[in-house]
Amino acid sequence: MRRVQDRRRRGFSLIELLIVIAIILVIAAIAAPKLNNARMHSQEMAAIRQINTVHTAQTQYFSQFGKFAENLAQLGPPASGNAGPAASDLIPGDLALGQKTGYIFTVAITKEGYTVTAVPQAFNNTGRRTFFSDQSLVIRENWGAEPATVASKEIK
C-alpha cells in the first residue's frame, strides 16, 4: 500500500512527459502553416486597405493643390511646420515612407493620373500577391512575385 502512495506522489515518468511533448509538437506542426497563411492573408487585406487610403489621399491632394501627388512623401506628414504640397499630411508617416504591413508601396504619376503598386517585402512570407491600381480606383492583383499591372486580374 505504501509503494502505491509513494508512486503517486512522485509525479509523471519521463516516458509520460515525452509522449505529452510529442503530441504537443504534432499539433503545433499542423497549426503553424495555417497560422502563417492566415497572417499573409491579413497582410494582403491590409495592403488593399492601404491602397484605398492612398486613393482617398490622392483625391484630397488633387482637390487642394490641383494635381496628383508624385510620390508618397507628398501625401505624408511634414517633417516640421505646416502641411503643404511637399507634405500634405493626408496619410500616416509609415505609409509615406513606403512600407507598411509587410508590403512596399510606390506611387507614380502618369499622363492620365497616377498609379499605386504594392509588392510583398518578402514574397511568400509577408504576402503571395502583388497589387496595382490607378486613378480608376480599380485594384488589380497578380498571384506571383512579378508586380501586378493594368493588365492583371481585377479584384472582385
Protein backbone atom coordinates (compact mmCIF):
# COMPACT_ATOMS: atom_id res chain seq x y z
CA MET A 1 0.00 0.00 0.00
CA ARG A 2 2.80 2.36 0.88
CA ARG A 3 4.51 1.81 -2.51
CA VAL A 4 1.38 2.85 -4.41
CA GLN A 5 1.11 6.05 -2.40
CA ASP A 6 4.81 6.85 -2.92
CA ARG A 7 4.49 6.30 -6.67
CA ARG A 8 1.51 8.67 -6.87
CA ARG A 9 3.45 11.42 -5.09
CA ARG A 10 6.47 11.23 -7.38
CA GLY A 11 4.61 12.61 -10.43
CA PHE A 12 4.95 11.68 -14.09
CA SER A 13 7.56 9.36 -15.51
CA LEU A 14 9.95 10.51 -18.21
CA ILE A 15 8.15 8.43 -20.84
CA GLU A 16 4.81 10.03 -19.99
CA LEU A 17 6.31 13.52 -20.31
CA LEU A 18 7.93 12.67 -23.65
CA ILE A 19 4.62 11.39 -25.01
CA VAL A 20 2.85 14.61 -24.00
CA ILE A 21 5.60 16.74 -25.59
CA ALA A 22 5.42 14.67 -28.79
CA ILE A 23 1.65 15.20 -29.01
CA ILE A 24 2.08 18.96 -28.50
CA LEU A 25 4.74 19.10 -31.24
CA VAL A 26 2.50 17.24 -33.70
CA ILE A 27 -0.36 19.66 -33.04
CA ALA A 28 1.99 22.65 -33.42
CA ALA A 29 3.35 21.28 -36.72
CA ILE A 30 -0.18 21.05 -38.09
CA ALA A 31 -1.22 24.51 -36.87
CA ALA A 32 1.89 26.54 -37.86
CA PRO A 33 1.32 26.59 -41.66
CA LYS A 34 -2.31 27.57 -41.19
CA LEU A 35 -1.29 30.45 -38.93
CA ASN A 36 1.28 31.63 -41.48
CA ASN A 37 -1.32 31.55 -44.28
CA ALA A 38 -3.78 33.49 -42.11
CA ARG A 39 -1.11 36.09 -41.33
CA MET A 40 -0.24 36.51 -45.03
CA HIS A 41 -3.92 36.84 -45.91
CA SER A 42 -4.41 39.54 -43.28
CA GLN A 43 -1.36 41.43 -44.57
CA GLU A 44 -2.74 41.24 -48.13
CA MET A 45 -6.09 42.62 -46.97
CA ALA A 46 -4.26 45.40 -45.12
CA ALA A 47 -2.34 46.23 -48.31
CA ILE A 48 -5.63 46.59 -50.19
CA ARG A 49 -6.92 48.94 -47.47
CA GLN A 50 -3.70 50.97 -47.72
CA ILE A 51 -4.20 51.32 -51.48
CA ASN A 52 -7.69 52.65 -50.78
CA THR A 53 -6.15 55.08 -48.28
CA VAL A 54 -3.78 56.32 -50.99
CA HIS A 55 -6.74 56.79 -53.38
CA THR A 56 -8.58 58.89 -50.82
CA ALA A 57 -5.44 60.92 -50.11
CA GLN A 58 -4.81 61.49 -53.84
CA THR A 59 -8.38 62.78 -54.25
CA GLN A 60 -7.91 65.17 -51.34
CA TYR A 61 -4.48 66.24 -52.63
CA PHE A 62 -5.93 66.94 -56.10
CA SER A 63 -8.75 68.93 -54.51
CA GLN A 64 -6.30 71.08 -52.52
CA PHE A 65 -3.43 71.52 -54.99
CA GLY A 66 -4.93 70.91 -58.46
CA LYS A 67 -2.68 67.95 -59.29
CA PHE A 68 -1.96 64.44 -58.05
CA ALA A 69 0.91 63.79 -55.64
CA GLU A 70 4.01 62.47 -57.40
CA ASN A 71 5.10 60.23 -54.51
CA LEU A 72 4.03 59.02 -51.10
CA ALA A 73 6.13 61.63 -49.29
CA GLN A 74 3.92 64.39 -50.73
CA LEU A 75 0.91 62.67 -49.16
CA GLY A 76 2.63 62.12 -45.80
CA PRO A 77 3.14 64.30 -42.76
CA PRO A 78 5.59 67.22 -42.87
CA ALA A 79 8.91 66.89 -41.07
CA SER A 80 8.22 70.21 -39.39
CA GLY A 81 5.89 73.12 -39.90
CA ASN A 82 2.56 73.18 -41.65
CA ALA A 83 1.24 70.82 -44.28
CA GLY A 84 1.66 71.85 -47.91
CA PRO A 85 2.27 70.42 -51.38
CA ALA A 86 5.57 68.81 -50.34
CA ALA A 87 3.99 67.04 -47.35
CA SER A 88 0.21 67.32 -47.14
CA ASP A 89 -0.37 65.17 -44.01
CA LEU A 90 -3.03 63.01 -45.68
CA ILE A 91 -1.59 59.55 -44.91
CA PRO A 92 0.27 58.09 -41.90
CA GLY A 93 4.03 58.52 -41.71
CA ASP A 94 4.85 54.81 -42.04
CA LEU A 95 2.85 54.55 -45.27
CA ALA A 96 4.51 57.75 -46.53
CA LEU A 97 7.87 56.01 -46.09
CA GLY A 98 6.64 53.29 -48.45
CA GLN A 99 6.49 50.28 -46.12
CA LYS A 100 3.55 49.09 -44.10
CA THR A 101 2.02 45.73 -43.10
CA GLY A 102 4.71 43.70 -44.88
CA TYR A 103 4.29 45.46 -48.23
CA ILE A 104 6.29 48.05 -50.17
CA PHE A 105 4.13 50.78 -51.70
CA THR A 106 5.01 53.13 -54.56
CA VAL A 107 3.12 55.96 -56.25
CA ALA A 108 3.98 57.27 -59.71
CA ILE A 109 2.49 59.95 -61.95
CA THR A 110 1.17 59.10 -65.41
CA LYS A 111 -0.31 61.21 -68.20
CA GLU A 112 -3.81 60.22 -67.11
CA GLY A 113 -3.28 60.44 -63.36
CA TYR A 114 -1.30 58.17 -61.04
CA THR A 115 -0.52 54.54 -60.24
CA VAL A 116 -0.16 52.72 -56.92
CA THR A 117 1.70 49.43 -56.57
CA ALA A 118 2.15 47.18 -53.57
CA VAL A 119 4.58 44.26 -53.51
CA PRO A 120 5.43 42.00 -50.56
CA GLN A 121 8.66 42.75 -48.72
CA ALA A 122 9.41 39.01 -48.68
CA PHE A 123 7.41 37.10 -51.27
CA ASN A 124 5.58 34.08 -49.86
CA ASN A 125 6.35 35.28 -46.34
CA THR A 126 4.62 38.66 -45.99
CA GLY A 127 2.35 38.09 -48.99
CA ARG A 128 1.67 35.94 -52.04
CA ARG A 129 0.08 38.62 -54.23
CA THR A 130 1.15 41.92 -55.74
CA PHE A 131 -1.32 44.75 -56.28
CA PHE A 132 -1.76 47.57 -58.79
CA SER A 133 -4.24 50.40 -59.01
CA ASP A 134 -4.59 53.76 -60.68
CA GLN A 135 -6.89 56.77 -60.72
CA SER A 136 -9.74 54.50 -61.92
CA LEU A 137 -9.79 53.09 -58.33
CA VAL A 138 -9.83 49.51 -59.67
CA ILE A 139 -7.42 47.31 -57.72
CA ARG A 140 -5.71 44.52 -59.66
CA GLU A 141 -3.80 41.53 -58.33
CA ASN A 142 -1.16 39.14 -59.51
CA TRP A 143 -0.58 35.80 -57.82
CA GLY A 144 3.17 35.64 -58.09
CA ALA A 145 6.37 37.59 -57.48
CA GLU A 146 6.13 39.76 -60.61
CA PRO A 147 4.35 43.08 -59.96
CA ALA A 148 0.72 43.44 -60.98
CA THR A 149 -0.04 45.78 -63.90
CA VAL A 150 -3.01 47.41 -65.55
CA ALA A 151 -3.50 44.13 -67.46
CA SER A 152 -3.67 42.00 -64.30
CA LYS A 153 -6.84 40.41 -62.99
CA GLU A 154 -9.26 42.75 -61.22
CA ILE A 155 -10.10 42.06 -57.58
CA LYS A 156 -13.81 41.40 -57.18
